[in-house]
Every structure is written in structure tokens, then in C-alpha cells.
Amino acid sequence: MMSYYFSVCSTVNYQETYISFLLEQYEHLNLPYSFQTSLSYITSPILMGKDSIIIWNAQDEPAGAIGFIHGTGEHDYEDRNIIQIQVLFLKKSSRSGRTFLRSMQFLGQHLAQINEPVTELRFWIPAQSALQKLCAKWAVKSQSNATEYGDIEEYRMDYALWHAAVMKYPHELYY
């Protein structure tokens, strides 16, 4: 089993690595948006408050990334209790249920230690059956939209329920 570790992108070097990694993986991200819109989702976590995480493999190479922002556009980002996950990506060679769970556990612990209470997580996915099946385990579909690049769906999760669910499995203490 390969080991992984996590870094919050709190320095310029980590932020550059986060953006470079996601741009290198762009064709594998399967984002149903134009490149310009996709770039805004990739970079917005850094531009809006440094909320991005790199997942590193045992060879100290980026294996994945998580990016999120506080608040929603419809409320001018003042509803900071809502976290919008902008990017969640693992390279194909790093994808496993265990790595995904550990990534969620790190994210949960990170969100639990920030000074702003979180009540809800939101994210959008391409409307694909495999993703829908995975997301339905954790979240409730709240809306669907058609774009010129394909159909997308928004999912929402109660933070406390999600956090309890991911933390009930054996986990490391990151904070």
C-alpha cells in the first residue's frame, strides 16, 4: 500500500505546485466547462483565501489536490459557513477507496480546526453514473444544469454528518 501525506498550500511555492499540478492534469480533470471557467475553479481557492491542499505520494510527488472556497456566489461569499469544493482530484495511479477516505479525513480535520464554523459542503460534478453513485453515498443532489460542455449536478452535504461519517474509520490525527 502506497503512503500519502498532505500539505495545505500556505506558501507561494505550494500554491504554484498546486496550480501547475492541476494544469498538467487538466485533460484528466474532466471538467465540463470551458478552459477559462475551469481555470477560475482551479485558481479560485488560492485567489480567495489559500484554501487548497496537495496530496503527495511516497516519492514526494503531487498525487492529488483539493481546492475549496468559503461561501457562495449567490450570497456574495458572505455565507462562509458553506464550503464549496472547487477541485477534488487524484491521479489515476493514486485512486483507491483508502486514499480517497484519507483525503476526506484530512479535509475534515482541516475544516474542523479553522476559526469559522462550517455547516455544509457543496460541489458540482459532471452528470456521469459512476460519479452519481459515489456522490449519492455522501450527499444529496440539489440541482442540475445543462452546459454546452455537458450536464452538471450540484450536491450538498451536512458538514457534521459528513465529518462524523469519514472520521468513524481508523484515521491519523493531522491536527
Protein backbone atom coordinates (compact mmCIF):
# COMPACT_ATOMS: atom_id res chain seq x y z
CA MET A 1 0.00 0.00 0.00
CA MET A 2 1.44 3.35 -1.03
CA SER A 3 1.61 6.05 1.61
CA TYR A 4 0.45 9.63 1.13
CA TYR A 5 0.72 12.86 3.05
CA PHE A 6 -0.98 16.24 2.79
CA SER A 7 0.11 19.88 2.67
CA VAL A 8 -2.06 22.96 2.96
CA CYS A 9 -0.90 25.43 0.31
CA SER A 10 0.03 28.29 2.61
CA THR A 11 3.15 29.43 0.75
CA VAL A 12 3.71 30.66 -2.81
CA ASN A 13 5.75 27.54 -3.65
CA TYR A 14 2.93 25.20 -2.59
CA GLN A 15 0.39 27.35 -4.41
CA GLU A 16 2.46 27.22 -7.60
CA THR A 17 2.80 23.44 -7.25
CA TYR A 18 -0.97 23.11 -6.75
CA ILE A 19 -1.80 25.14 -9.87
CA SER A 20 0.96 23.56 -12.01
CA PHE A 21 -0.10 20.06 -10.98
CA LEU A 22 -3.75 20.67 -11.85
CA LEU A 23 -2.87 22.31 -15.18
CA GLU A 24 -0.62 19.34 -16.03
CA GLN A 25 -3.56 17.05 -15.23
CA TYR A 26 -6.13 19.26 -16.96
CA GLU A 27 -7.23 16.70 -19.56
CA HIS A 28 -7.84 14.15 -16.78
CA LEU A 29 -9.91 16.52 -14.63
CA ASN A 30 -12.94 16.05 -16.91
CA LEU A 31 -14.33 19.46 -16.04
CA PRO A 32 -17.50 20.20 -18.05
CA TYR A 33 -16.58 23.85 -18.62
CA SER A 34 -14.54 26.00 -20.98
CA PHE A 35 -10.83 26.26 -20.18
CA GLN A 36 -11.33 29.79 -18.84
CA THR A 37 -14.07 28.69 -16.46
CA SER A 38 -12.10 25.61 -15.43
CA LEU A 39 -9.05 27.79 -14.73
CA SER A 40 -11.15 30.04 -12.50
CA TYR A 41 -12.31 27.00 -10.48
CA ILE A 42 -8.74 25.69 -10.20
CA THR A 43 -7.28 29.01 -9.06
CA SER A 44 -10.16 30.47 -7.01
CA PRO A 45 -9.24 28.62 -3.79
CA ILE A 46 -5.87 30.38 -3.80
CA LEU A 47 -7.17 33.73 -5.02
CA MET A 48 -9.94 33.73 -2.41
CA GLY A 49 -8.02 32.63 0.65
CA LYS A 50 -5.36 29.94 0.18
CA ASP A 51 -7.73 27.03 0.77
CA SER A 52 -6.03 24.35 -1.26
CA ILE A 53 -4.36 21.07 -0.37
CA ILE A 54 -1.80 18.95 -2.18
CA ILE A 55 -1.81 15.19 -1.74
CA TRP A 56 1.75 13.86 -2.01
CA ASN A 57 2.88 10.30 -2.71
CA ALA A 58 5.80 8.50 -1.04
CA GLN A 59 8.17 9.82 -3.74
CA ASP A 60 7.27 13.42 -2.72
CA GLU A 61 5.39 13.98 -5.99
CA PRO A 62 1.90 15.51 -6.21
CA ALA A 63 -0.66 12.72 -6.46
CA GLY A 64 -3.81 14.78 -5.99
CA ALA A 65 -5.30 18.08 -4.96
CA ILE A 66 -8.28 19.52 -3.13
CA GLY A 67 -9.39 23.12 -3.53
CA PHE A 68 -12.31 24.85 -1.84
CA ILE A 69 -13.72 28.27 -1.10
CA HIS A 70 -15.83 29.70 1.70
CA GLY A 71 -19.26 31.00 0.72
CA THR A 72 -21.39 31.05 -2.42
CA GLY A 73 -21.56 33.50 -5.28
CA GLU A 74 -25.31 33.92 -4.88
CA HIS A 75 -24.69 35.42 -1.42
CA ASP A 76 -21.52 37.37 -2.35
CA TYR A 77 -19.42 34.82 -0.42
CA GLU A 78 -20.73 36.12 2.89
CA ASP A 79 -22.28 32.74 3.79
CA ARG A 80 -18.86 31.47 4.83
CA ASN A 81 -20.35 28.55 6.75
CA ILE A 82 -20.81 26.87 3.36
CA ILE A 83 -17.72 25.31 1.79
CA GLN A 84 -17.74 24.84 -1.97
CA ILE A 85 -15.32 22.18 -3.15
CA GLN A 86 -13.91 23.52 -6.42
CA VAL A 87 -11.48 20.69 -7.18
CA LEU A 88 -11.00 17.19 -5.84
CA PHE A 89 -8.61 15.13 -7.95
CA LEU A 90 -6.44 12.04 -7.54
CA LYS A 91 -4.13 10.81 -10.30
CA LYS A 92 -5.30 7.50 -11.70
CA SER A 93 -2.30 5.70 -10.20
CA SER A 94 -3.29 7.00 -6.75
CA ARG A 95 -7.01 6.33 -6.86
CA SER A 96 -8.27 3.93 -4.23
CA GLY A 97 -11.01 3.95 -1.67
CA ARG A 98 -8.43 4.24 1.11
CA THR A 99 -6.63 7.22 -0.44
CA PHE A 100 -9.95 8.97 -1.07
CA LEU A 101 -11.06 8.33 2.52
CA ARG A 102 -7.75 9.58 3.97
CA SER A 103 -8.05 12.70 1.81
CA MET A 104 -11.56 13.30 3.14
CA GLN A 105 -10.34 12.72 6.70
CA PHE A 106 -7.59 15.30 6.24
CA LEU A 107 -10.07 17.77 4.74
CA GLY A 108 -12.49 17.14 7.62
CA GLN A 109 -9.82 17.72 10.24
CA HIS A 110 -8.59 20.82 8.43
CA LEU A 111 -12.07 22.33 8.26
CA ALA A 112 -12.72 21.44 11.92
CA GLN A 113 -9.73 23.46 13.12
CA ILE A 114 -10.38 26.69 11.21
CA ASN A 115 -11.90 29.62 13.07
CA GLU A 116 -15.10 29.70 11.03
CA PRO A 117 -17.83 27.14 11.69
CA VAL A 118 -18.76 25.00 8.69
CA THR A 119 -22.31 23.69 8.31
CA GLU A 120 -22.46 22.49 4.71
CA LEU A 121 -20.29 21.24 1.85
CA ARG A 122 -21.27 21.74 -1.80
CA PHE A 123 -19.77 20.60 -5.08
CA TRP A 124 -20.63 20.12 -8.76
CA ILE A 125 -19.91 17.04 -10.86
CA PRO A 126 -20.38 16.03 -14.48
CA ALA A 127 -23.63 14.04 -14.68
CA GLN A 128 -21.99 10.61 -15.04
CA SER A 129 -23.46 7.48 -13.50
CA ALA A 130 -20.26 6.35 -11.72
CA LEU A 131 -19.83 9.77 -10.08
CA GLN A 132 -23.53 9.98 -9.25
CA LYS A 133 -23.37 6.62 -7.48
CA LEU A 134 -20.32 7.66 -5.46
CA CYS A 135 -21.74 11.08 -4.55
CA ALA A 136 -25.12 9.66 -3.53
CA LYS A 137 -23.36 7.82 -0.67
CA TRP A 138 -22.40 11.13 0.94
CA ALA A 139 -24.58 13.88 -0.46
CA VAL A 140 -27.97 14.89 -1.84
CA LYS A 141 -28.34 16.18 -5.38
CA SER A 142 -29.79 19.69 -5.17
CA GLN A 143 -29.89 20.83 -8.79
CA SER A 144 -28.93 20.04 -12.38
CA ASN A 145 -27.86 22.31 -15.21
CA ALA A 146 -27.10 21.80 -18.87
CA THR A 147 -23.96 23.45 -20.22
CA GLU A 148 -22.51 23.46 -23.71
CA TYR A 149 -19.89 21.02 -22.36
CA GLY A 150 -22.36 18.60 -20.78
CA ASP A 151 -24.82 18.25 -17.93
CA ILE A 152 -23.68 19.05 -14.40
CA GLU A 153 -25.19 18.39 -10.98
CA GLU A 154 -24.79 20.11 -7.63
CA TYR A 155 -24.58 18.03 -4.47
CA ARG A 156 -24.85 19.18 -0.85
CA MET A 157 -23.78 17.53 2.40
CA ASP A 158 -24.39 18.41 6.02
CA TYR A 159 -20.88 19.02 7.33
CA ALA A 160 -21.37 17.48 10.78
CA LEU A 161 -22.88 14.27 9.36
CA TRP A 162 -20.18 14.01 6.69
CA HIS A 163 -17.39 14.67 9.20
CA ALA A 164 -18.73 12.02 11.58
CA ALA A 165 -19.04 9.53 8.71
CA VAL A 166 -15.47 9.91 7.45
CA MET A 167 -13.94 10.06 10.92
CA LYS A 168 -15.61 6.86 12.16
CA TYR A 169 -13.00 4.86 10.22
CA PRO A 170 -9.46 4.44 11.54
CA HIS A 171 -7.56 7.65 10.86
CA GLU A 172 -4.46 9.60 11.65
CA LEU A 173 -4.57 12.81 13.64
CA TYR A 174 -3.34 15.54 11.33
CA TYR A 175 -4.10 18.42 13.68
